[in-house]
N, C-alpha and C. Protein backbone atom coordinates (compact mmCIF):
# COMPACT_ATOMS: atom_id res chain seq x y z
N UNK A 1 143.85 92.50 85.05
CA UNK A 1 142.42 92.37 84.81
C UNK A 1 142.09 92.96 83.44
N UNK A 2 141.29 92.23 82.70
CA UNK A 2 140.91 92.68 81.36
C UNK A 2 139.41 92.96 81.34
N UNK A 3 139.02 94.18 81.01
CA UNK A 3 137.61 94.57 81.03
C UNK A 3 136.95 94.46 79.66
N UNK A 4 137.74 94.35 78.61
CA UNK A 4 137.18 94.32 77.27
C UNK A 4 137.18 95.69 76.61
N UNK A 5 137.62 96.70 77.33
CA UNK A 5 137.71 98.06 76.78
C UNK A 5 139.12 98.56 77.04
N UNK A 6 139.81 98.94 75.97
CA UNK A 6 141.21 99.35 76.08
C UNK A 6 141.40 100.54 77.01
N UNK A 7 140.56 101.57 76.86
CA UNK A 7 140.73 102.76 77.69
C UNK A 7 140.47 102.45 79.17
N UNK A 8 139.50 101.57 79.44
CA UNK A 8 139.21 101.19 80.82
C UNK A 8 140.33 100.31 81.38
N UNK A 9 140.91 99.45 80.53
CA UNK A 9 142.05 98.62 80.95
C UNK A 9 143.21 99.51 81.37
N UNK A 10 143.48 100.56 80.58
CA UNK A 10 144.58 101.48 80.87
C UNK A 10 144.33 102.20 82.20
N UNK A 11 143.10 102.62 82.40
CA UNK A 11 142.73 103.32 83.63
C UNK A 11 142.89 102.40 84.85
N UNK A 12 142.58 101.12 84.68
CA UNK A 12 142.68 100.16 85.78
C UNK A 12 144.15 99.86 86.14
N UNK A 13 145.07 99.93 85.17
CA UNK A 13 146.49 99.65 85.42
C UNK A 13 147.10 100.70 86.33
N UNK A 14 146.87 101.94 85.97
CA UNK A 14 147.44 103.04 86.75
C UNK A 14 146.30 103.90 87.27
N UNK A 15 146.09 103.85 88.55
CA UNK A 15 144.97 104.61 89.10
C UNK A 15 145.21 106.10 88.93
N UNK A 16 144.13 106.79 88.60
CA UNK A 16 144.19 108.23 88.36
C UNK A 16 143.01 108.89 89.06
N UNK A 17 143.22 110.14 89.42
CA UNK A 17 142.11 110.90 89.98
C UNK A 17 141.12 111.21 88.87
N UNK A 18 139.85 111.19 89.22
CA UNK A 18 138.80 111.53 88.26
C UNK A 18 138.30 112.93 88.57
N UNK A 19 138.00 113.67 87.54
CA UNK A 19 137.45 115.02 87.70
C UNK A 19 136.08 115.05 87.02
N UNK A 20 135.10 115.53 87.75
CA UNK A 20 133.75 115.64 87.21
C UNK A 20 133.38 117.10 87.08
N UNK A 21 132.65 117.41 86.04
CA UNK A 21 132.11 118.75 85.86
C UNK A 21 130.59 118.65 86.01
N UNK A 22 130.05 119.37 86.96
CA UNK A 22 128.61 119.34 87.20
C UNK A 22 128.05 120.70 86.84
N UNK A 23 127.01 120.68 86.03
CA UNK A 23 126.36 121.92 85.62
C UNK A 23 125.02 122.02 86.34
N UNK A 24 124.85 123.04 87.15
CA UNK A 24 123.60 123.26 87.88
C UNK A 24 122.63 123.97 86.95
N UNK A 25 121.53 123.31 86.64
CA UNK A 25 120.57 123.88 85.71
C UNK A 25 119.51 124.72 86.40
N UNK A 26 119.11 124.29 87.60
CA UNK A 26 118.03 124.98 88.26
C UNK A 26 118.05 124.65 89.75
N UNK A 27 117.64 125.61 90.57
CA UNK A 27 117.51 125.40 92.00
C UNK A 27 116.04 125.58 92.34
N UNK A 28 115.47 124.57 93.02
CA UNK A 28 114.07 124.65 93.41
C UNK A 28 113.97 124.56 94.93
N UNK A 29 113.12 125.41 95.49
CA UNK A 29 112.89 125.31 96.92
C UNK A 29 111.89 124.18 97.16
N UNK A 30 111.73 123.78 98.39
CA UNK A 30 110.88 122.64 98.73
C UNK A 30 109.43 122.83 98.28
N UNK A 31 108.98 124.07 98.22
CA UNK A 31 107.58 124.32 97.84
C UNK A 31 107.38 124.40 96.33
N UNK A 32 108.47 124.34 95.56
CA UNK A 32 108.37 124.52 94.11
C UNK A 32 108.29 123.23 93.31
N UNK A 33 108.41 122.09 93.96
CA UNK A 33 108.31 120.84 93.21
C UNK A 33 107.36 119.90 93.92
N UNK A 34 106.85 118.95 93.16
CA UNK A 34 105.91 118.00 93.72
C UNK A 34 106.67 116.88 94.42
N UNK A 35 106.37 116.71 95.69
CA UNK A 35 107.04 115.68 96.49
C UNK A 35 106.52 114.29 96.13
N UNK A 36 107.38 113.32 96.29
CA UNK A 36 106.96 111.93 96.16
C UNK A 36 106.13 111.56 97.38
N UNK A 37 105.26 110.59 97.21
CA UNK A 37 104.36 110.17 98.29
C UNK A 37 105.12 109.83 99.57
N UNK A 38 106.22 109.12 99.43
CA UNK A 38 106.97 108.68 100.62
C UNK A 38 107.63 109.84 101.36
N UNK A 39 107.74 111.00 100.71
CA UNK A 39 108.36 112.16 101.35
C UNK A 39 107.37 112.96 102.20
N UNK A 40 106.09 112.69 102.04
CA UNK A 40 105.07 113.48 102.72
C UNK A 40 104.73 112.91 104.09
N UNK A 41 104.46 113.80 105.01
CA UNK A 41 103.97 113.38 106.32
C UNK A 41 102.48 113.06 106.18
N UNK A 42 101.91 112.44 107.20
CA UNK A 42 100.48 112.14 107.17
C UNK A 42 99.67 113.43 107.06
N UNK A 43 100.09 114.46 107.78
CA UNK A 43 99.38 115.74 107.74
C UNK A 43 99.45 116.36 106.34
N UNK A 44 100.61 116.27 105.69
CA UNK A 44 100.75 116.82 104.34
C UNK A 44 99.88 116.05 103.34
N UNK A 45 99.82 114.74 103.50
CA UNK A 45 98.95 113.94 102.63
C UNK A 45 97.50 114.36 102.81
N UNK A 46 97.08 114.46 104.06
CA UNK A 46 95.70 114.83 104.36
C UNK A 46 95.38 116.22 103.82
N UNK A 47 96.30 117.16 103.99
CA UNK A 47 96.09 118.53 103.51
C UNK A 47 96.03 118.60 101.98
N UNK A 48 96.73 117.70 101.30
CA UNK A 48 96.79 117.77 99.83
C UNK A 48 95.57 117.15 99.15
N UNK A 49 94.79 116.37 99.88
CA UNK A 49 93.66 115.66 99.26
C UNK A 49 92.62 116.61 98.65
N UNK A 50 92.13 117.64 99.37
CA UNK A 50 91.16 118.54 98.74
C UNK A 50 91.73 119.25 97.50
N UNK A 51 93.01 119.59 97.54
CA UNK A 51 93.66 120.24 96.40
C UNK A 51 93.71 119.29 95.21
N UNK A 52 94.10 118.04 95.46
CA UNK A 52 94.15 117.05 94.39
C UNK A 52 92.77 116.85 93.77
N UNK A 53 91.74 116.81 94.63
CA UNK A 53 90.37 116.64 94.13
C UNK A 53 89.98 117.83 93.25
N UNK A 54 90.25 119.04 93.72
CA UNK A 54 89.92 120.25 92.95
C UNK A 54 90.67 120.29 91.63
N UNK A 55 91.95 119.93 91.66
CA UNK A 55 92.74 119.89 90.42
C UNK A 55 92.18 118.85 89.46
N UNK A 56 91.78 117.70 89.99
CA UNK A 56 91.16 116.67 89.16
C UNK A 56 89.87 117.17 88.53
N UNK A 57 89.05 117.87 89.32
CA UNK A 57 87.79 118.42 88.80
C UNK A 57 88.05 119.41 87.68
N UNK A 58 89.04 120.27 87.87
CA UNK A 58 89.39 121.26 86.84
C UNK A 58 89.86 120.57 85.57
N UNK A 59 90.72 119.59 85.72
CA UNK A 59 91.21 118.84 84.55
C UNK A 59 90.07 118.13 83.85
N UNK A 60 89.14 117.57 84.61
CA UNK A 60 87.99 116.88 84.00
C UNK A 60 87.14 117.86 83.19
N UNK A 61 86.88 119.02 83.78
CA UNK A 61 86.06 120.03 83.08
C UNK A 61 86.69 120.49 81.78
N UNK A 62 88.03 120.47 81.71
CA UNK A 62 88.71 120.89 80.48
C UNK A 62 88.90 119.73 79.51
N UNK A 63 88.39 118.55 79.87
CA UNK A 63 88.46 117.40 78.98
C UNK A 63 89.71 116.55 79.13
N UNK A 64 90.53 116.87 80.13
CA UNK A 64 91.76 116.09 80.35
C UNK A 64 91.45 114.94 81.32
N UNK A 65 90.86 113.88 80.76
CA UNK A 65 90.43 112.74 81.58
C UNK A 65 91.62 112.06 82.24
N UNK A 66 92.69 111.85 81.49
CA UNK A 66 93.87 111.17 82.04
C UNK A 66 94.48 111.96 83.20
N UNK A 67 94.57 113.27 83.02
CA UNK A 67 95.11 114.12 84.09
C UNK A 67 94.23 114.07 85.33
N UNK A 68 92.91 114.11 85.12
CA UNK A 68 91.97 114.04 86.24
C UNK A 68 92.09 112.70 86.95
N UNK A 69 92.16 111.62 86.17
CA UNK A 69 92.31 110.29 86.76
C UNK A 69 93.56 110.22 87.64
N UNK A 70 94.65 110.81 87.17
CA UNK A 70 95.90 110.76 87.93
C UNK A 70 95.76 111.50 89.26
N UNK A 71 95.11 112.66 89.24
CA UNK A 71 94.90 113.43 90.49
C UNK A 71 94.01 112.65 91.45
N UNK A 72 92.91 112.09 90.92
CA UNK A 72 92.01 111.31 91.77
C UNK A 72 92.71 110.07 92.31
N UNK A 73 93.49 109.41 91.47
CA UNK A 73 94.21 108.20 91.88
C UNK A 73 95.18 108.51 93.02
N UNK A 74 95.88 109.64 92.91
CA UNK A 74 96.82 110.04 93.96
C UNK A 74 96.08 110.32 95.26
N UNK A 75 94.97 111.07 95.17
CA UNK A 75 94.18 111.38 96.37
C UNK A 75 93.65 110.11 97.02
N UNK A 76 93.15 109.18 96.19
CA UNK A 76 92.64 107.92 96.73
C UNK A 76 93.76 107.10 97.38
N UNK A 77 94.93 107.14 96.78
CA UNK A 77 96.08 106.43 97.35
C UNK A 77 96.46 106.98 98.72
N UNK A 78 96.47 108.32 98.83
CA UNK A 78 96.77 108.93 100.13
C UNK A 78 95.72 108.54 101.16
N UNK A 79 94.45 108.58 100.75
CA UNK A 79 93.39 108.22 101.69
C UNK A 79 93.51 106.77 102.14
N UNK A 80 93.82 105.89 101.20
CA UNK A 80 93.99 104.47 101.56
C UNK A 80 95.13 104.30 102.56
N UNK A 81 96.24 105.01 102.33
CA UNK A 81 97.38 104.92 103.25
C UNK A 81 96.99 105.41 104.64
N UNK A 82 96.25 106.50 104.69
CA UNK A 82 95.83 107.06 105.98
C UNK A 82 94.81 106.16 106.67
N UNK A 83 93.92 105.56 105.90
CA UNK A 83 92.88 104.70 106.47
C UNK A 83 93.47 103.40 107.03
N UNK A 84 94.57 102.95 106.44
CA UNK A 84 95.22 101.73 106.93
C UNK A 84 95.74 101.89 108.36
N UNK A 85 96.00 103.12 108.75
CA UNK A 85 96.53 103.38 110.09
C UNK A 85 95.42 103.50 111.13
N UNK A 86 94.19 103.47 110.66
CA UNK A 86 93.04 103.62 111.57
C UNK A 86 92.29 102.30 111.69
N UNK A 87 91.56 102.17 112.77
CA UNK A 87 90.73 100.98 112.97
C UNK A 87 89.44 101.18 112.16
N UNK A 88 89.08 100.21 111.30
CA UNK A 88 87.87 100.38 110.49
C UNK A 88 86.65 100.74 111.33
N UNK A 89 85.91 101.71 110.81
CA UNK A 89 84.67 102.22 111.40
C UNK A 89 84.87 103.06 112.65
N UNK A 90 86.12 103.34 113.05
CA UNK A 90 86.36 104.32 114.10
C UNK A 90 86.05 105.71 113.54
N UNK A 91 86.03 106.69 114.39
CA UNK A 91 85.66 108.04 113.99
C UNK A 91 86.56 108.59 112.88
N UNK A 92 87.88 108.48 113.05
CA UNK A 92 88.81 109.02 112.05
C UNK A 92 88.72 108.24 110.74
N UNK A 93 88.61 106.93 110.81
CA UNK A 93 88.48 106.09 109.62
C UNK A 93 87.22 106.48 108.85
N UNK A 94 86.12 106.68 109.57
CA UNK A 94 84.84 107.06 108.95
C UNK A 94 84.97 108.43 108.29
N UNK A 95 85.65 109.36 108.95
CA UNK A 95 85.85 110.70 108.38
C UNK A 95 86.65 110.61 107.08
N UNK A 96 87.71 109.81 107.08
CA UNK A 96 88.52 109.63 105.87
C UNK A 96 87.71 108.94 104.77
N UNK A 97 86.89 107.98 105.15
CA UNK A 97 86.06 107.28 104.16
C UNK A 97 85.06 108.24 103.53
N UNK A 98 84.52 109.17 104.32
CA UNK A 98 83.59 110.17 103.79
C UNK A 98 84.29 111.09 102.79
N UNK A 99 85.57 111.35 103.00
CA UNK A 99 86.35 112.14 102.04
C UNK A 99 86.59 111.33 100.76
N UNK A 100 86.71 110.03 100.93
CA UNK A 100 87.06 109.14 99.82
C UNK A 100 85.91 108.97 98.82
N UNK A 101 84.68 108.86 99.32
CA UNK A 101 83.54 108.50 98.47
C UNK A 101 83.31 109.46 97.30
N UNK A 102 83.31 110.80 97.50
CA UNK A 102 83.11 111.68 96.34
C UNK A 102 84.25 111.59 95.32
N UNK A 103 85.46 111.36 95.80
CA UNK A 103 86.60 111.23 94.88
C UNK A 103 86.46 109.94 94.09
N UNK A 104 85.98 108.90 94.74
CA UNK A 104 85.74 107.62 94.07
C UNK A 104 84.66 107.77 93.00
N UNK A 105 83.64 108.58 93.29
CA UNK A 105 82.60 108.85 92.29
C UNK A 105 83.16 109.60 91.09
N UNK A 106 84.02 110.58 91.34
CA UNK A 106 84.64 111.33 90.25
C UNK A 106 85.53 110.42 89.42
N UNK A 107 86.29 109.57 90.10
CA UNK A 107 87.15 108.59 89.43
C UNK A 107 86.30 107.69 88.55
N UNK A 108 85.14 107.26 89.07
CA UNK A 108 84.23 106.40 88.32
C UNK A 108 83.69 107.09 87.07
N UNK A 109 83.40 108.39 87.19
CA UNK A 109 82.92 109.13 86.01
C UNK A 109 83.98 109.15 84.92
N UNK A 110 85.23 109.35 85.31
CA UNK A 110 86.33 109.33 84.33
C UNK A 110 86.42 107.96 83.68
N UNK A 111 86.30 106.91 84.48
CA UNK A 111 86.36 105.54 83.95
C UNK A 111 85.17 105.27 83.02
N UNK A 112 84.02 105.85 83.33
CA UNK A 112 82.84 105.71 82.46
C UNK A 112 83.11 106.40 81.12
N UNK A 113 83.71 107.57 81.17
CA UNK A 113 84.07 108.29 79.94
C UNK A 113 85.08 107.50 79.11
N UNK A 114 85.94 106.75 79.78
CA UNK A 114 86.94 105.92 79.08
C UNK A 114 86.38 104.58 78.63
N UNK A 115 85.11 104.33 78.97
CA UNK A 115 84.45 103.07 78.64
C UNK A 115 85.07 101.86 79.36
N UNK A 116 85.61 102.11 80.54
CA UNK A 116 86.16 101.05 81.39
C UNK A 116 85.05 100.64 82.36
N UNK A 117 84.05 99.95 81.81
CA UNK A 117 82.81 99.71 82.53
C UNK A 117 82.96 98.83 83.77
N UNK A 118 83.83 97.85 83.71
CA UNK A 118 83.99 96.98 84.88
C UNK A 118 84.61 97.74 86.05
N UNK A 119 85.51 98.68 85.76
CA UNK A 119 86.07 99.52 86.83
C UNK A 119 84.98 100.40 87.43
N UNK A 120 84.08 100.91 86.58
CA UNK A 120 82.97 101.74 87.06
C UNK A 120 82.09 100.92 88.01
N UNK A 121 81.77 99.70 87.59
CA UNK A 121 80.92 98.83 88.43
C UNK A 121 81.60 98.58 89.78
N UNK A 122 82.89 98.29 89.74
CA UNK A 122 83.63 98.02 90.98
C UNK A 122 83.62 99.22 91.92
N UNK A 123 83.96 100.40 91.41
CA UNK A 123 84.10 101.57 92.28
C UNK A 123 82.76 102.12 92.74
N UNK A 124 81.76 102.12 91.86
CA UNK A 124 80.45 102.60 92.30
C UNK A 124 79.83 101.63 93.30
N UNK A 125 80.08 100.34 93.13
CA UNK A 125 79.58 99.36 94.11
C UNK A 125 80.23 99.59 95.47
N UNK A 126 81.48 99.99 95.46
CA UNK A 126 82.17 100.31 96.70
C UNK A 126 81.48 101.49 97.40
N UNK A 127 81.15 102.53 96.63
CA UNK A 127 80.44 103.68 97.19
C UNK A 127 79.08 103.24 97.74
N UNK A 128 78.37 102.42 96.95
CA UNK A 128 77.03 101.99 97.35
C UNK A 128 77.03 101.08 98.58
N UNK A 129 78.16 100.44 98.86
CA UNK A 129 78.22 99.62 100.07
C UNK A 129 78.16 100.49 101.33
N UNK A 130 78.51 101.76 101.21
CA UNK A 130 78.43 102.70 102.34
C UNK A 130 77.22 103.62 102.23
N UNK A 131 76.85 103.95 100.99
CA UNK A 131 75.72 104.85 100.75
C UNK A 131 74.80 104.19 99.72
N UNK A 132 73.93 103.28 100.15
CA UNK A 132 73.10 102.51 99.20
C UNK A 132 72.17 103.35 98.33
N UNK A 133 71.87 104.57 98.76
CA UNK A 133 70.96 105.42 97.99
C UNK A 133 71.69 106.55 97.25
N UNK A 134 72.98 106.39 97.02
CA UNK A 134 73.74 107.42 96.31
C UNK A 134 73.33 107.41 94.84
N UNK A 135 72.64 108.45 94.43
CA UNK A 135 72.06 108.51 93.09
C UNK A 135 73.13 108.50 92.00
N UNK A 136 74.19 109.27 92.20
CA UNK A 136 75.26 109.30 91.18
C UNK A 136 75.86 107.91 91.00
N UNK A 137 76.11 107.23 92.09
CA UNK A 137 76.71 105.89 92.01
C UNK A 137 75.76 104.92 91.31
N UNK A 138 74.48 104.97 91.66
CA UNK A 138 73.49 104.09 91.03
C UNK A 138 73.38 104.37 89.53
N UNK A 139 73.33 105.65 89.18
CA UNK A 139 73.18 106.05 87.77
C UNK A 139 74.39 105.61 86.95
N UNK A 140 75.58 105.87 87.47
CA UNK A 140 76.80 105.49 86.75
C UNK A 140 76.95 103.97 86.66
N UNK A 141 76.64 103.30 87.75
CA UNK A 141 76.73 101.84 87.71
C UNK A 141 75.69 101.26 86.75
N UNK A 142 74.50 101.86 86.73
CA UNK A 142 73.47 101.42 85.78
C UNK A 142 73.95 101.56 84.34
N UNK A 143 74.58 102.69 84.03
CA UNK A 143 75.11 102.89 82.67
C UNK A 143 76.19 101.86 82.35
N UNK A 144 77.05 101.59 83.32
CA UNK A 144 78.12 100.61 83.10
C UNK A 144 77.52 99.21 82.90
N UNK A 145 76.56 98.84 83.74
CA UNK A 145 75.90 97.54 83.57
C UNK A 145 75.26 97.44 82.19
N UNK A 146 74.64 98.53 81.76
CA UNK A 146 73.98 98.55 80.45
C UNK A 146 74.98 98.25 79.34
N UNK A 147 76.17 98.79 79.46
CA UNK A 147 77.18 98.65 78.41
C UNK A 147 77.91 97.31 78.42
N UNK A 148 77.78 96.55 79.51
CA UNK A 148 78.39 95.22 79.53
C UNK A 148 77.31 94.13 79.51
N UNK A 149 76.10 94.53 79.13
CA UNK A 149 74.97 93.61 78.95
C UNK A 149 74.53 92.92 80.24
N UNK A 150 74.68 93.60 81.36
CA UNK A 150 74.08 93.13 82.62
C UNK A 150 72.70 93.79 82.70
N UNK A 151 71.78 93.26 81.92
CA UNK A 151 70.48 93.91 81.69
C UNK A 151 69.69 94.09 82.99
N UNK A 152 69.54 93.02 83.75
CA UNK A 152 68.73 93.09 84.97
C UNK A 152 69.34 94.05 85.99
N UNK A 153 70.67 94.01 86.12
CA UNK A 153 71.35 94.91 87.06
C UNK A 153 71.17 96.37 86.64
N UNK A 154 71.25 96.63 85.33
CA UNK A 154 71.06 97.99 84.83
C UNK A 154 69.65 98.47 85.14
N UNK A 155 68.67 97.63 84.84
CA UNK A 155 67.27 98.00 85.12
C UNK A 155 67.07 98.27 86.60
N UNK A 156 67.63 97.42 87.44
CA UNK A 156 67.50 97.58 88.88
C UNK A 156 68.08 98.91 89.35
N UNK A 157 69.28 99.24 88.88
CA UNK A 157 69.91 100.51 89.26
C UNK A 157 69.09 101.70 88.75
N UNK A 158 68.64 101.64 87.50
CA UNK A 158 67.86 102.75 86.94
C UNK A 158 66.52 102.90 87.67
N UNK A 159 65.89 101.79 88.04
CA UNK A 159 64.63 101.86 88.79
C UNK A 159 64.85 102.53 90.15
N UNK A 160 65.96 102.22 90.82
CA UNK A 160 66.27 102.85 92.11
C UNK A 160 66.50 104.35 91.94
N UNK A 161 67.20 104.72 90.86
CA UNK A 161 67.44 106.15 90.60
C UNK A 161 66.11 106.87 90.43
N UNK A 162 65.22 106.31 89.62
CA UNK A 162 63.92 106.94 89.37
C UNK A 162 63.10 107.05 90.66
N UNK A 163 63.18 106.04 91.51
CA UNK A 163 62.44 106.06 92.78
C UNK A 163 63.01 107.10 93.75
N UNK A 164 64.32 107.31 93.70
CA UNK A 164 64.97 108.25 94.63
C UNK A 164 64.89 109.70 94.17
N UNK A 165 64.87 109.93 92.86
CA UNK A 165 64.88 111.30 92.34
C UNK A 165 64.01 111.38 91.09
N UNK A 166 62.79 111.86 91.27
CA UNK A 166 61.83 111.92 90.16
C UNK A 166 62.26 112.89 89.06
N UNK A 167 63.18 113.82 89.37
CA UNK A 167 63.64 114.75 88.33
C UNK A 167 64.49 114.04 87.29
N UNK A 168 64.98 112.85 87.62
CA UNK A 168 65.79 112.08 86.67
C UNK A 168 64.96 111.05 85.90
N UNK A 169 63.65 111.09 86.08
CA UNK A 169 62.77 110.11 85.45
C UNK A 169 62.91 110.12 83.93
N UNK A 170 62.97 111.29 83.32
CA UNK A 170 63.09 111.37 81.85
C UNK A 170 64.40 110.74 81.38
N UNK A 171 65.49 111.04 82.07
CA UNK A 171 66.79 110.45 81.71
C UNK A 171 66.78 108.94 81.88
N UNK A 172 66.20 108.49 82.99
CA UNK A 172 66.14 107.05 83.25
C UNK A 172 65.28 106.36 82.20
N UNK A 173 64.12 106.95 81.89
CA UNK A 173 63.24 106.35 80.87
C UNK A 173 63.92 106.29 79.51
N UNK A 174 64.68 107.32 79.18
CA UNK A 174 65.43 107.33 77.92
C UNK A 174 66.46 106.20 77.89
N UNK A 175 67.18 106.02 78.98
CA UNK A 175 68.17 104.94 79.06
C UNK A 175 67.52 103.57 79.03
N UNK A 176 66.38 103.43 79.72
CA UNK A 176 65.67 102.15 79.70
C UNK A 176 65.15 101.84 78.31
N UNK A 177 64.71 102.88 77.59
CA UNK A 177 64.24 102.69 76.21
C UNK A 177 65.41 102.25 75.33
N UNK A 178 66.56 102.91 75.48
CA UNK A 178 67.76 102.51 74.73
C UNK A 178 68.13 101.06 75.03
N UNK A 179 68.06 100.72 76.29
CA UNK A 179 68.40 99.37 76.72
C UNK A 179 67.45 98.35 76.09
N UNK A 180 66.17 98.67 76.11
CA UNK A 180 65.17 97.78 75.53
C UNK A 180 65.39 97.61 74.03
N UNK A 181 65.71 98.72 73.34
CA UNK A 181 65.97 98.65 71.89
C UNK A 181 67.22 97.82 71.60
N UNK A 182 68.25 97.98 72.41
CA UNK A 182 69.48 97.21 72.21
C UNK A 182 69.24 95.72 72.42
N UNK A 183 68.44 95.40 73.43
CA UNK A 183 68.11 93.99 73.69
C UNK A 183 67.32 93.42 72.52
N UNK A 184 66.36 94.22 72.02
CA UNK A 184 65.54 93.79 70.88
C UNK A 184 66.42 93.53 69.65
N UNK A 185 67.35 94.47 69.38
CA UNK A 185 68.27 94.31 68.24
C UNK A 185 69.12 93.06 68.40
N UNK A 186 69.62 92.86 69.59
CA UNK A 186 70.47 91.69 69.87
C UNK A 186 69.68 90.40 69.68
N UNK A 187 68.43 90.39 70.18
CA UNK A 187 67.58 89.21 70.01
C UNK A 187 67.30 88.94 68.54
N UNK A 188 67.03 90.00 67.79
CA UNK A 188 66.76 89.87 66.35
C UNK A 188 67.99 89.34 65.62
N UNK A 189 69.14 89.87 65.99
CA UNK A 189 70.41 89.43 65.39
C UNK A 189 70.65 87.95 65.68
N UNK A 190 70.42 87.54 66.91
CA UNK A 190 70.60 86.14 67.29
C UNK A 190 69.60 85.25 66.54
N UNK A 191 68.38 85.72 66.44
CA UNK A 191 67.33 84.97 65.74
C UNK A 191 67.72 84.77 64.28
N UNK A 192 68.22 85.83 63.63
CA UNK A 192 68.62 85.74 62.22
C UNK A 192 69.81 84.80 62.04
N UNK A 193 70.72 84.81 62.98
CA UNK A 193 71.88 83.92 62.89
C UNK A 193 71.48 82.46 63.05
N UNK A 194 70.47 82.23 63.85
CA UNK A 194 70.04 80.86 64.12
C UNK A 194 69.06 80.33 63.08
N UNK A 195 68.53 81.20 62.24
CA UNK A 195 67.55 80.80 61.23
C UNK A 195 68.11 79.68 60.36
N UNK A 196 67.38 78.64 60.24
CA UNK A 196 67.78 77.55 59.37
C UNK A 196 68.78 76.59 59.99
N UNK A 197 69.19 76.85 61.22
CA UNK A 197 70.14 75.95 61.88
C UNK A 197 69.39 75.09 62.88
N UNK A 198 69.57 73.81 62.75
CA UNK A 198 68.94 72.88 63.69
C UNK A 198 70.01 72.26 64.56
N UNK A 199 69.66 72.02 65.79
CA UNK A 199 70.62 71.39 66.70
C UNK A 199 70.24 69.95 66.92
């Protein structure tokens, strides 16, 4: 048999014992390293969710958006896995879903900071399907709609926020003013581009 490598060909002709040298760099106990998802029991996944959320919050506060997203994504993944084992709308499923919603809101805030507006709309809409009056979800979704030029949807979300929490009226009015100015600028820009053009 010819392998294309002389040293390997020689080794194949006359079998020889192989000797390996293994260097142990570090020994870690089970509690010292992060387990892969598939290694965790359902109870371990459930127990780790509040910790993952807290770690994500800490990372977010320090400006580490990517790190926070990763923690929230892991927590959401665990919750999804656990929810799949339950019958939708049963007591345990509902309890897990209640744990999921605040993490989904935090995840959405990170996505808003990253300017991933369509992801924000998707995730906040998911929260709003269970909690239609969730002010944070409405406010974040309104901002996302505003940035992707869904003008009517943005106005609708901001109007709901103002109706639900009058302390946010100044913020909502400021955003609505910005939205109105942006629409005006866009209309003016379109008007100038169309000037002198006949169809």
